[in-house]
């Protein structure tokens, strides 16, 4: 099983095609360049919208749950006996169902295409069939506890964690997953079953539909996910840890999104250092690499929680980001 939290975005320029010539130069490699980000984004959105308009989810079971209903979301094609069903695209017509989209800016660098400088507006779609009861939703910086199932648009499952919930940080998975989770309120009571398992109540249920530029784009993952493939994740949003501080530097991870673009993985203030260039701020205990831990360059409350940033020299740069402070 491919674990969602262990997949990192890397650069891949495709497989080499080898052929033997008549000369003595040996095998020649032909490198296939990646497709244009803008081209893939348009194609993926067309595929996703077509799926949303031609499929429905089991909304009738959610509206009138049978005694043995497992409250799992399922998709089927609108055809034959199901030709009168309401599509996912139109599911906001159903009571208490939230369906919508978010436009997210994506650059060539974000998807690992170092040879391009494209910027596209990518669409992420979300479907909340049952909203949780929590007062707030997780952010991209928070640890989240959930169940999920990842599949292609054709229903082929490539990753599944449905027997018991798993916990991971929402910035350590594909970008569309973390951004999509911000629409799901989580549950309330957690019941320990006495056998090492837990049961959650009143949690959010739904799905996230993402284009490949918010997932793996042209990165090799497994033989189950083609390159440039849109993905679907079914979600049971159980719980989350508000204001998660991933690197324990005193700053909630969400506050380390310096450019406020909803992506913590492109914020790195000590990237000039060859070693530190691989450690982004929300995972770095010394954000400016000045030898002074970040937690000593900010103001904390009496209980050790974050209070405010310091700017000792008044230059407009917080001490923990300013190598001169």
C-alpha atoms as a PDB file:
ATOM      1  CA  UNK A   1       0.000   0.000   0.000  1.00  0.00           C
ATOM      2  CA  UNK A   2       1.336   3.416  -0.926  1.00  0.00           C
ATOM      3  CA  UNK A   3       1.286   5.648   2.149  1.00  0.00           C
ATOM      4  CA  UNK A   4       0.001   9.130   1.389  1.00  0.00           C
ATOM      5  CA  UNK A   5       2.190  10.812   3.994  1.00  0.00           C
ATOM      6  CA  UNK A   6       5.415   9.348   2.606  1.00  0.00           C
ATOM      7  CA  UNK A   7       5.096  10.765  -0.905  1.00  0.00           C
ATOM      8  CA  UNK A   8       7.148  13.893  -1.635  1.00  0.00           C
ATOM      9  CA  UNK A   9       7.038  15.938  -4.838  1.00  0.00           C
ATOM     10  CA  UNK A  10      10.225  15.407  -6.900  1.00  0.00           C
ATOM     11  CA  UNK A  11      11.301  16.227 -10.422  1.00  0.00           C
ATOM     12  CA  UNK A  12      10.863  13.629 -13.113  1.00  0.00           C
ATOM     13  CA  UNK A  13      11.456  14.279 -16.779  1.00  0.00           C
ATOM     14  CA  UNK A  14      10.010  10.925 -17.917  1.00  0.00           C
ATOM     15  CA  UNK A  15      11.491   7.582 -18.859  1.00  0.00           C
ATOM     16  CA  UNK A  16      14.350   7.341 -21.318  1.00  0.00           C
ATOM     17  CA  UNK A  17      13.737   5.611 -24.625  1.00  0.00           C
ATOM     18  CA  UNK A  18      16.840   3.725 -25.787  1.00  0.00           C
ATOM     19  CA  UNK A  19      17.759   2.628 -29.304  1.00  0.00           C
ATOM     20  CA  UNK A  20      20.949   1.149 -30.766  1.00  0.00           C
ATOM     21  CA  UNK A  21      22.649   2.877 -33.674  1.00  0.00           C
ATOM     22  CA  UNK A  22      25.055   1.621 -36.279  1.00  0.00           C
ATOM     23  CA  UNK A  23      27.931   3.712 -34.934  1.00  0.00           C
ATOM     24  CA  UNK A  24      30.121   3.174 -31.885  1.00  0.00           C
ATOM     25  CA  UNK A  25      28.478   5.772 -29.675  1.00  0.00           C
ATOM     26  CA  UNK A  26      26.334   3.214 -27.868  1.00  0.00           C
ATOM     27  CA  UNK A  27      22.780   3.682 -26.558  1.00  0.00           C
ATOM     28  CA  UNK A  28      21.219   7.111 -26.972  1.00  0.00           C
ATOM     29  CA  UNK A  29      18.728   8.473 -24.451  1.00  0.00           C
ATOM     30  CA  UNK A  30      15.754  10.499 -25.558  1.00  0.00           C
ATOM     31  CA  UNK A  31      14.336  12.579 -22.722  1.00  0.00           C
ATOM     32  CA  UNK A  32      10.673  13.466 -23.037  1.00  0.00           C
ATOM     33  CA  UNK A  33      10.053  16.922 -21.556  1.00  0.00           C
ATOM     34  CA  UNK A  34       7.122  17.413 -19.176  1.00  0.00           C
ATOM     35  CA  UNK A  35       3.862  18.706 -20.593  1.00  0.00           C
ATOM     36  CA  UNK A  36       2.992  22.357 -20.151  1.00  0.00           C
ATOM     37  CA  UNK A  37       1.441  23.057 -16.770  1.00  0.00           C
ATOM     38  CA  UNK A  38      -1.241  25.217 -18.380  1.00  0.00           C
ATOM     39  CA  UNK A  39      -2.180  22.452 -20.814  1.00  0.00           C
ATOM     40  CA  UNK A  40      -2.443  19.797 -18.106  1.00  0.00           C
ATOM     41  CA  UNK A  41      -4.484  22.099 -15.841  1.00  0.00           C
ATOM     42  CA  UNK A  42      -7.116  22.650 -18.535  1.00  0.00           C
ATOM     43  CA  UNK A  43      -7.306  18.945 -19.416  1.00  0.00           C
ATOM     44  CA  UNK A  44      -7.555  17.882 -15.768  1.00  0.00           C
ATOM     45  CA  UNK A  45     -10.302  20.359 -14.973  1.00  0.00           C
ATOM     46  CA  UNK A  46     -12.290  19.148 -17.982  1.00  0.00           C
ATOM     47  CA  UNK A  47     -11.930  15.547 -16.789  1.00  0.00           C
ATOM     48  CA  UNK A  48     -12.942  16.370 -13.224  1.00  0.00           C
ATOM     49  CA  UNK A  49     -15.997  18.415 -14.235  1.00  0.00           C
ATOM     50  CA  UNK A  50     -17.096  15.644 -16.604  1.00  0.00           C
ATOM     51  CA  UNK A  51     -16.864  13.157 -13.727  1.00  0.00           C
ATOM     52  CA  UNK A  52     -18.769  15.440 -11.342  1.00  0.00           C
ATOM     53  CA  UNK A  53     -21.576  15.914 -13.865  1.00  0.00           C
ATOM     54  CA  UNK A  54     -21.867  12.245 -14.803  1.00  0.00           C
ATOM     55  CA  UNK A  55     -21.700  10.723 -11.306  1.00  0.00           C
ATOM     56  CA  UNK A  56     -23.742  10.891  -8.111  1.00  0.00           C
ATOM     57  CA  UNK A  57     -23.073   9.820  -4.547  1.00  0.00           C
ATOM     58  CA  UNK A  58     -25.295   7.722  -2.279  1.00  0.00           C
ATOM     59  CA  UNK A  59     -27.161  10.757  -0.944  1.00  0.00           C
ATOM     60  CA  UNK A  60     -30.395   8.834  -0.360  1.00  0.00           C
ATOM     61  CA  UNK A  61     -28.659   6.645   2.230  1.00  0.00           C
ATOM     62  CA  UNK A  62     -27.337   9.737   3.996  1.00  0.00           C
ATOM     63  CA  UNK A  63     -30.792  11.342   3.942  1.00  0.00           C
ATOM     64  CA  UNK A  64     -32.533   8.267   5.383  1.00  0.00           C
ATOM     65  CA  UNK A  65     -29.814   6.023   6.834  1.00  0.00           C
ATOM     66  CA  UNK A  66     -30.749   2.318   6.932  1.00  0.00           C
ATOM     67  CA  UNK A  67     -30.057   0.458  10.172  1.00  0.00           C
ATOM     68  CA  UNK A  68     -26.838  -1.090   8.862  1.00  0.00           C
ATOM     69  CA  UNK A  69     -25.516   1.988   7.024  1.00  0.00           C
ATOM     70  CA  UNK A  70     -21.763   2.484   7.470  1.00  0.00           C
ATOM     71  CA  UNK A  71     -21.863   6.203   6.542  1.00  0.00           C
ATOM     72  CA  UNK A  72     -19.308   5.702   3.784  1.00  0.00           C
ATOM     73  CA  UNK A  73     -19.589   7.820   0.666  1.00  0.00           C
ATOM     74  CA  UNK A  74     -19.912   5.943  -2.642  1.00  0.00           C
ATOM     75  CA  UNK A  75     -20.039   7.110  -6.262  1.00  0.00           C
ATOM     76  CA  UNK A  76     -21.904   5.678  -9.222  1.00  0.00           C
ATOM     77  CA  UNK A  77     -22.619   6.664 -12.825  1.00  0.00           C
ATOM     78  CA  UNK A  78     -25.824   8.484 -13.754  1.00  0.00           C
ATOM     79  CA  UNK A  79     -27.338   6.063 -16.277  1.00  0.00           C
ATOM     80  CA  UNK A  80     -30.015   3.389 -16.626  1.00  0.00           C
ATOM     81  CA  UNK A  81     -31.943   2.981 -13.374  1.00  0.00           C
ATOM     82  CA  UNK A  82     -29.899   5.869 -11.959  1.00  0.00           C
ATOM     83  CA  UNK A  83     -30.600   8.291 -14.784  1.00  0.00           C
ATOM     84  CA  UNK A  84     -32.711  10.530 -12.533  1.00  0.00           C
ATOM     85  CA  UNK A  85     -30.082  10.968  -9.806  1.00  0.00           C
ATOM     86  CA  UNK A  86     -28.705  14.372  -8.851  1.00  0.00           C
ATOM     87  CA  UNK A  87     -25.099  14.729  -9.976  1.00  0.00           C
ATOM     88  CA  UNK A  88     -22.238  15.565  -7.638  1.00  0.00           C
ATOM     89  CA  UNK A  89     -21.877  18.824  -9.563  1.00  0.00           C
ATOM     90  CA  UNK A  90     -25.449  19.762  -8.642  1.00  0.00           C
ATOM     91  CA  UNK A  91     -25.448  18.213  -5.180  1.00  0.00           C
ATOM     92  CA  UNK A  92     -25.609  21.577  -3.411  1.00  0.00           C
ATOM     93  CA  UNK A  93     -29.341  21.342  -4.211  1.00  0.00           C
ATOM     94  CA  UNK A  94     -29.526  18.679  -1.503  1.00  0.00           C
ATOM     95  CA  UNK A  95     -30.201  19.796   2.042  1.00  0.00           C
ATOM     96  CA  UNK A  96     -27.111  20.316   4.236  1.00  0.00           C
ATOM     97  CA  UNK A  97     -24.681  19.324   1.465  1.00  0.00           C
ATOM     98  CA  UNK A  98     -21.747  21.586   0.627  1.00  0.00           C
ATOM     99  CA  UNK A  99     -20.208  21.422  -2.835  1.00  0.00           C
ATOM    100  CA  UNK A 100     -17.852  24.002  -4.248  1.00  0.00           C
ATOM    101  CA  UNK A 101     -14.428  24.792  -5.593  1.00  0.00           C
ATOM    102  CA  UNK A 102     -11.374  26.809  -4.663  1.00  0.00           C
ATOM    103  CA  UNK A 103      -8.990  28.457  -7.109  1.00  0.00           C
ATOM    104  CA  UNK A 104      -5.349  27.901  -6.150  1.00  0.00           C
ATOM    105  CA  UNK A 105      -2.366  29.503  -7.858  1.00  0.00           C
ATOM    106  CA  UNK A 106       0.226  26.969  -8.982  1.00  0.00           C
ATOM    107  CA  UNK A 107       3.608  27.638 -10.591  1.00  0.00           C
ATOM    108  CA  UNK A 108       5.920  25.441 -12.633  1.00  0.00           C
ATOM    109  CA  UNK A 109       8.310  25.394  -9.668  1.00  0.00           C
ATOM    110  CA  UNK A 110       5.530  24.094  -7.405  1.00  0.00           C
ATOM    111  CA  UNK A 111       5.232  20.949  -9.522  1.00  0.00           C
ATOM    112  CA  UNK A 112       8.973  20.521  -9.979  1.00  0.00           C
ATOM    113  CA  UNK A 113       9.205  21.740 -13.582  1.00  0.00           C
ATOM    114  CA  UNK A 114      12.461  23.677 -13.369  1.00  0.00           C
ATOM    115  CA  UNK A 115      12.532  24.624 -17.046  1.00  0.00           C
ATOM    116  CA  UNK A 116       9.281  26.602 -17.063  1.00  0.00           C
ATOM    117  CA  UNK A 117       7.884  29.739 -15.505  1.00  0.00           C
ATOM    118  CA  UNK A 118       4.143  29.175 -15.949  1.00  0.00           C
ATOM    119  CA  UNK A 119       1.537  30.311 -13.441  1.00  0.00           C
ATOM    120  CA  UNK A 120      -1.955  28.802 -13.571  1.00  0.00           C
ATOM    121  CA  UNK A 121      -5.168  29.109 -11.582  1.00  0.00           C
ATOM    122  CA  UNK A 122      -5.963  25.562 -10.581  1.00  0.00           C
ATOM    123  CA  UNK A 123      -9.373  24.409  -9.354  1.00  0.00           C
ATOM    124  CA  UNK A 124      -9.847  22.150  -6.356  1.00  0.00           C
ATOM    125  CA  UNK A 125     -13.359  20.726  -5.821  1.00  0.00           C
ATOM    126  CA  UNK A 126     -14.791  19.576  -2.497  1.00  0.00           C
ATOM    127  CA  UNK A 127     -17.955  17.765  -1.464  1.00  0.00           C
ATOM    128  CA  UNK A 128     -19.079  17.734   2.173  1.00  0.00           C
ATOM    129  CA  UNK A 129     -22.011  15.341   2.533  1.00  0.00           C
ATOM    130  CA  UNK A 130     -22.082  15.568   6.317  1.00  0.00           C
ATOM    131  CA  UNK A 131     -20.399  18.405   8.159  1.00  0.00           C
ATOM    132  CA  UNK A 132     -18.719  17.740  11.490  1.00  0.00           C
ATOM    133  CA  UNK A 133     -19.669  19.517  14.690  1.00  0.00           C
ATOM    134  CA  UNK A 134     -16.325  21.112  15.611  1.00  0.00           C
ATOM    135  CA  UNK A 135     -16.275  24.898  15.950  1.00  0.00           C
ATOM    136  CA  UNK A 136     -13.404  25.298  13.490  1.00  0.00           C
ATOM    137  CA  UNK A 137     -11.685  23.484  10.634  1.00  0.00           C
ATOM    138  CA  UNK A 138      -8.087  22.307  10.365  1.00  0.00           C
ATOM    139  CA  UNK A 139      -5.499  24.449   8.611  1.00  0.00           C
ATOM    140  CA  UNK A 140      -2.707  23.276   6.342  1.00  0.00           C
ATOM    141  CA  UNK A 141      -0.374  23.494   9.336  1.00  0.00           C
ATOM    142  CA  UNK A 142      -2.338  21.187  11.618  1.00  0.00           C
ATOM    143  CA  UNK A 143      -2.046  17.523  12.455  1.00  0.00           C
ATOM    144  CA  UNK A 144      -5.243  15.789  11.417  1.00  0.00           C
ATOM    145  CA  UNK A 145      -6.802  12.457  12.380  1.00  0.00           C
ATOM    146  CA  UNK A 146      -8.896  10.860   9.640  1.00  0.00           C
ATOM    147  CA  UNK A 147      -9.702   7.961   7.378  1.00  0.00           C
ATOM    148  CA  UNK A 148      -9.247   8.252   3.635  1.00  0.00           C
ATOM    149  CA  UNK A 149      -9.361   6.390   0.363  1.00  0.00           C
ATOM    150  CA  UNK A 150      -7.549   7.646  -2.725  1.00  0.00           C
ATOM    151  CA  UNK A 151      -8.596   6.679  -6.235  1.00  0.00           C
ATOM    152  CA  UNK A 152      -8.428   7.689  -9.865  1.00  0.00           C
ATOM    153  CA  UNK A 153     -11.516   9.052 -11.605  1.00  0.00           C
ATOM    154  CA  UNK A 154     -12.178   5.562 -12.968  1.00  0.00           C
ATOM    155  CA  UNK A 155     -12.535   4.242  -9.419  1.00  0.00           C
ATOM    156  CA  UNK A 156      -9.170   2.457  -9.264  1.00  0.00           C
ATOM    157  CA  UNK A 157      -8.041   2.667  -5.621  1.00  0.00           C
ATOM    158  CA  UNK A 158      -4.340   3.397  -5.152  1.00  0.00           C
ATOM    159  CA  UNK A 159      -4.208   4.097  -1.409  1.00  0.00           C
ATOM    160  CA  UNK A 160      -6.564   3.306   1.450  1.00  0.00           C
ATOM    161  CA  UNK A 161      -6.609   3.820   5.203  1.00  0.00           C
ATOM    162  CA  UNK A 162     -10.155   2.952   6.220  1.00  0.00           C
ATOM    163  CA  UNK A 163      -9.926   0.315   8.956  1.00  0.00           C
ATOM    164  CA  UNK A 164      -8.590   2.734  11.568  1.00  0.00           C
ATOM    165  CA  UNK A 165      -7.778   6.450  11.461  1.00  0.00           C
ATOM    166  CA  UNK A 166      -4.304   7.764  10.781  1.00  0.00           C
ATOM    167  CA  UNK A 167      -2.661  10.949  11.955  1.00  0.00           C
ATOM    168  CA  UNK A 168      -0.435  13.206   9.840  1.00  0.00           C
ATOM    169  CA  UNK A 169       0.339  16.846   9.183  1.00  0.00           C
ATOM    170  CA  UNK A 170      -1.676  18.364   6.340  1.00  0.00           C
ATOM    171  CA  UNK A 171       1.408  19.961   4.790  1.00  0.00           C
ATOM    172  CA  UNK A 172       3.242  16.657   4.575  1.00  0.00           C
ATOM    173  CA  UNK A 173       0.846  15.239   1.987  1.00  0.00           C
ATOM    174  CA  UNK A 174      -0.085  16.323  -1.536  1.00  0.00           C
ATOM    175  CA  UNK A 175      -1.119  19.962  -1.615  1.00  0.00           C
ATOM    176  CA  UNK A 176      -4.704  19.401  -2.767  1.00  0.00           C
ATOM    177  CA  UNK A 177      -5.361  17.103   0.176  1.00  0.00           C
ATOM    178  CA  UNK A 178      -4.233  19.651   2.763  1.00  0.00           C
ATOM    179  CA  UNK A 179      -6.076  22.544   1.115  1.00  0.00           C
ATOM    180  CA  UNK A 180      -9.224  20.465   0.690  1.00  0.00           C
ATOM    181  CA  UNK A 181      -9.325  19.444   4.350  1.00  0.00           C
ATOM    182  CA  UNK A 182      -9.842  23.089   5.283  1.00  0.00           C
ATOM    183  CA  UNK A 183     -13.516  22.659   4.313  1.00  0.00           C
ATOM    184  CA  UNK A 184     -14.194  19.814   6.752  1.00  0.00           C
ATOM    185  CA  UNK A 185     -15.245  20.319  10.339  1.00  0.00           C
ATOM    186  CA  UNK A 186     -14.324  17.365  12.497  1.00  0.00           C
ATOM    187  CA  UNK A 187     -16.135  15.310  15.133  1.00  0.00           C
ATOM    188  CA  UNK A 188     -16.825  15.552  18.841  1.00  0.00           C
ATOM    189  CA  UNK A 189     -16.578  12.621  21.222  1.00  0.00           C
ATOM    190  CA  UNK A 190     -13.822  10.018  20.953  1.00  0.00           C
ATOM    191  CA  UNK A 191     -14.736   6.627  22.392  1.00  0.00           C
ATOM    192  CA  UNK A 192     -12.037   4.117  23.385  1.00  0.00           C
ATOM    193  CA  UNK A 193     -13.288   0.668  22.509  1.00  0.00           C
ATOM    194  CA  UNK A 194     -11.031  -1.196  24.955  1.00  0.00           C
ATOM    195  CA  UNK A 195      -9.206  -3.145  22.247  1.00  0.00           C
ATOM    196  CA  UNK A 196      -6.793  -0.420  21.188  1.00  0.00           C
ATOM    197  CA  UNK A 197      -9.207   1.091  18.682  1.00  0.00           C
ATOM    198  CA  UNK A 198     -11.258   4.267  18.860  1.00  0.00           C
ATOM    199  CA  UNK A 199     -14.664   5.364  17.615  1.00  0.00           C
ATOM    200  CA  UNK A 200     -15.380   8.952  16.589  1.00  0.00           C
ATOM    201  CA  UNK A 201     -18.783  10.624  16.535  1.00  0.00           C
ATOM    202  CA  UNK A 202     -20.344  13.454  14.513  1.00  0.00           C
ATOM    203  CA  UNK A 203     -17.372  13.764  12.154  1.00  0.00           C
ATOM    204  CA  UNK A 204     -17.262  15.287   8.688  1.00  0.00           C
ATOM    205  CA  UNK A 205     -17.706  13.079   5.622  1.00  0.00           C
ATOM    206  CA  UNK A 206     -17.042  13.922   1.988  1.00  0.00           C
ATOM    207  CA  UNK A 207     -14.549  13.961  -0.839  1.00  0.00           C
ATOM    208  CA  UNK A 208     -11.851  16.088  -2.450  1.00  0.00           C
ATOM    209  CA  UNK A 209     -11.331  16.161  -6.228  1.00  0.00           C
ATOM    210  CA  UNK A 210      -7.950  17.502  -7.292  1.00  0.00           C
ATOM    211  CA  UNK A 211      -6.058  18.030 -10.542  1.00  0.00           C
ATOM    212  CA  UNK A 212      -2.600  16.526 -10.901  1.00  0.00           C
ATOM    213  CA  UNK A 213      -0.845  19.862 -10.349  1.00  0.00           C
ATOM    214  CA  UNK A 214      -2.184  19.735  -6.771  1.00  0.00           C
ATOM    215  CA  UNK A 215      -1.166  16.092  -6.472  1.00  0.00           C
ATOM    216  CA  UNK A 216       1.722  14.273  -8.198  1.00  0.00           C
ATOM    217  CA  UNK A 217       1.736  15.926 -11.656  1.00  0.00           C
ATOM    218  CA  UNK A 218       4.449  14.008 -13.588  1.00  0.00           C
ATOM    219  CA  UNK A 219       6.122  12.490 -10.523  1.00  0.00           C
ATOM    220  CA  UNK A 220       6.499   8.698 -10.491  1.00  0.00           C
ATOM    221  CA  UNK A 221       4.631   7.295  -7.499  1.00  0.00           C
ATOM    222  CA  UNK A 222       3.469   3.758  -8.155  1.00  0.00           C
ATOM    223  CA  UNK A 223       2.242   1.831 -11.155  1.00  0.00           C
ATOM    224  CA  UNK A 224      -1.291   2.596  -9.965  1.00  0.00           C
ATOM    225  CA  UNK A 225      -1.127   6.348 -10.586  1.00  0.00           C
ATOM    226  CA  UNK A 226      -0.450   7.519 -14.147  1.00  0.00           C
ATOM    227  CA  UNK A 227       1.356  10.807 -14.596  1.00  0.00           C
ATOM    228  CA  UNK A 228      -0.907  13.875 -14.984  1.00  0.00           C
ATOM    229  CA  UNK A 229      -3.785  12.008 -13.310  1.00  0.00           C
ATOM    230  CA  UNK A 230      -6.559  13.833 -11.396  1.00  0.00           C
ATOM    231  CA  UNK A 231      -7.288  12.202  -8.041  1.00  0.00           C
ATOM    232  CA  UNK A 232     -10.251  11.688  -5.712  1.00  0.00           C
ATOM    233  CA  UNK A 233      -9.946  11.318  -1.950  1.00  0.00           C
ATOM    234  CA  UNK A 234     -12.900  10.181   0.149  1.00  0.00           C
ATOM    235  CA  UNK A 235     -12.602  11.659   3.635  1.00  0.00           C
ATOM    236  CA  UNK A 236     -13.808  10.899   7.158  1.00  0.00           C
ATOM    237  CA  UNK A 237     -12.570  13.939   9.120  1.00  0.00           C
ATOM    238  CA  UNK A 238     -12.340  12.766  12.724  1.00  0.00           C
ATOM    239  CA  UNK A 239     -10.248  15.296  14.620  1.00  0.00           C
ATOM    240  CA  UNK A 240      -7.320  17.711  14.427  1.00  0.00           C
ATOM    241  CA  UNK A 241      -4.824  19.518  16.656  1.00  0.00           C
ATOM    242  CA  UNK A 242      -5.427  23.292  16.455  1.00  0.00           C
ATOM    243  CA  UNK A 243      -2.300  25.437  16.154  1.00  0.00           C
ATOM    244  CA  UNK A 244      -0.017  22.457  15.608  1.00  0.00           C
ATOM    245  CA  UNK A 245       3.636  23.450  16.056  1.00  0.00           C
ATOM    246  CA  UNK A 246       5.406  20.882  13.876  1.00  0.00           C
ATOM    247  CA  UNK A 247       8.993  21.872  14.692  1.00  0.00           C
ATOM    248  CA  UNK A 248       8.286  22.880  18.309  1.00  0.00           C
ATOM    249  CA  UNK A 249       9.802  26.325  17.749  1.00  0.00           C
ATOM    250  CA  UNK A 250       6.978  28.130  19.543  1.00  0.00           C
ATOM    251  CA  UNK A 251       5.221  29.297  16.366  1.00  0.00           C
ATOM    252  CA  UNK A 252       2.060  27.514  15.165  1.00  0.00           C
ATOM    253  CA  UNK A 253       2.890  26.039  11.777  1.00  0.00           C
ATOM    254  CA  UNK A 254       0.105  27.952  10.013  1.00  0.00           C
ATOM    255  CA  UNK A 255       1.818  31.246  10.962  1.00  0.00           C
ATOM    256  CA  UNK A 256       4.907  30.139   9.035  1.00  0.00           C
ATOM    257  CA  UNK A 257       3.118  30.542   5.705  1.00  0.00           C
ATOM    258  CA  UNK A 258       5.069  33.737   5.054  1.00  0.00           C
ATOM    259  CA  UNK A 259       3.654  34.478   1.597  1.00  0.00           C
ATOM    260  CA  UNK A 260       0.152  33.398   2.689  1.00  0.00           C
ATOM    261  CA  UNK A 261      -0.386  31.263  -0.408  1.00  0.00           C
ATOM    262  CA  UNK A 262      -1.741  28.197   1.410  1.00  0.00           C
ATOM    263  CA  UNK A 263       1.483  26.256   0.894  1.00  0.00           C
ATOM    264  CA  UNK A 264       3.953  25.802   3.752  1.00  0.00           C
ATOM    265  CA  UNK A 265       6.458  23.961   1.586  1.00  0.00           C
ATOM    266  CA  UNK A 266       7.733  27.038  -0.281  1.00  0.00           C
ATOM    267  CA  UNK A 267       8.542  29.179   2.775  1.00  0.00           C
ATOM    268  CA  UNK A 268      12.235  28.956   3.654  1.00  0.00           C
ATOM    269  CA  UNK A 269      14.194  31.944   4.964  1.00  0.00           C
ATOM    270  CA  UNK A 270      17.590  30.215   5.221  1.00  0.00           C
ATOM    271  CA  UNK A 271      17.569  28.581   1.799  1.00  0.00           C
ATOM    272  CA  UNK A 272      20.953  30.123   0.952  1.00  0.00           C
ATOM    273  CA  UNK A 273      22.528  27.522   3.224  1.00  0.00           C
ATOM    274  CA  UNK A 274      23.102  24.309   1.267  1.00  0.00           C
ATOM    275  CA  UNK A 275      21.937  22.037   4.086  1.00  0.00           C
ATOM    276  CA  UNK A 276      19.128  24.231   5.378  1.00  0.00           C
ATOM    277  CA  UNK A 277      17.784  24.742   1.845  1.00  0.00           C
ATOM    278  CA  UNK A 278      15.902  21.472   2.212  1.00  0.00           C
ATOM    279  CA  UNK A 279      14.260  22.414   5.524  1.00  0.00           C
ATOM    280  CA  UNK A 280      11.282  24.753   5.209  1.00  0.00           C
ATOM    281  CA  UNK A 281      10.346  27.046   8.087  1.00  0.00           C
ATOM    282  CA  UNK A 282       7.508  25.047   9.608  1.00  0.00           C
ATOM    283  CA  UNK A 283       9.950  22.137  10.051  1.00  0.00           C
ATOM    284  CA  UNK A 284      12.955  24.263  11.049  1.00  0.00           C
ATOM    285  CA  UNK A 285      13.667  25.137  14.700  1.00  0.00           C
ATOM    286  CA  UNK A 286      16.046  27.944  13.637  1.00  0.00           C
ATOM    287  CA  UNK A 287      14.289  29.754  10.788  1.00  0.00           C
ATOM    288  CA  UNK A 288      17.098  32.203   9.954  1.00  0.00           C
ATOM    289  CA  UNK A 289      19.959  29.794  10.698  1.00  0.00           C
ATOM    290  CA  UNK A 290      21.688  32.298  12.990  1.00  0.00           C
ATOM    291  CA  UNK A 291      22.430  29.757  15.704  1.00  0.00           C
ATOM    292  CA  UNK A 292      19.711  31.102  18.005  1.00  0.00           C
ATOM    293  CA  UNK A 293      16.638  28.847  18.233  1.00  0.00           C
ATOM    294  CA  UNK A 294      13.480  30.479  16.916  1.00  0.00           C
ATOM    295  CA  UNK A 295      11.735  29.873  20.236  1.00  0.00           C
ATOM    296  CA  UNK A 296      14.213  32.284  21.875  1.00  0.00           C
ATOM    297  CA  UNK A 297      13.504  35.019  19.309  1.00  0.00           C
ATOM    298  CA  UNK A 298       9.738  35.335  19.814  1.00  0.00           C
ATOM    299  CA  UNK A 299       7.443  36.373  22.659  1.00  0.00           C
ATOM    300  CA  UNK A 300       5.625  33.596  24.512  1.00  0.00           C
ATOM    301  CA  UNK A 301       2.737  33.559  26.939  1.00  0.00           C
ATOM    302  CA  UNK A 302       3.324  32.403  30.521  1.00  0.00           C
ATOM    303  CA  UNK A 303       2.128  28.918  29.556  1.00  0.00           C
ATOM    304  CA  UNK A 304       4.684  28.707  26.745  1.00  0.00           C
ATOM    305  CA  UNK A 305       2.276  29.291  23.875  1.00  0.00           C
ATOM    306  CA  UNK A 306       2.936  31.803  21.102  1.00  0.00           C
ATOM    307  CA  UNK A 307       2.215  35.476  21.895  1.00  0.00           C
ATOM    308  CA  UNK A 308       3.893  37.678  19.267  1.00  0.00           C
ATOM    309  CA  UNK A 309       6.946  38.232  17.087  1.00  0.00           C
ATOM    310  CA  UNK A 310       9.922  40.372  18.123  1.00  0.00           C
ATOM    311  CA  UNK A 311      11.622  43.017  15.975  1.00  0.00           C
ATOM    312  CA  UNK A 312      14.522  44.150  18.145  1.00  0.00           C
ATOM    313  CA  UNK A 313      16.246  46.401  15.600  1.00  0.00           C
ATOM    314  CA  UNK A 314      13.004  47.837  14.194  1.00  0.00           C
ATOM    315  CA  UNK A 315      13.815  46.987  10.583  1.00  0.00           C
ATOM    316  CA  UNK A 316      10.440  45.397   9.894  1.00  0.00           C
ATOM    317  CA  UNK A 317      11.854  41.857   9.907  1.00  0.00           C
ATOM    318  CA  UNK A 318      10.994  39.617  12.839  1.00  0.00           C
ATOM    319  CA  UNK A 319      14.006  38.488  14.867  1.00  0.00           C
ATOM    320  CA  UNK A 320      13.480  34.814  14.064  1.00  0.00           C
ATOM    321  CA  UNK A 321      13.761  35.626  10.330  1.00  0.00           C
ATOM    322  CA  UNK A 322      16.495  38.281  10.651  1.00  0.00           C
ATOM    323  CA  UNK A 323      20.058  37.013  10.839  1.00  0.00           C
ATOM    324  CA  UNK A 324      21.155  40.469  12.105  1.00  0.00           C
ATOM    325  CA  UNK A 325      18.890  40.331  15.167  1.00  0.00           C
END
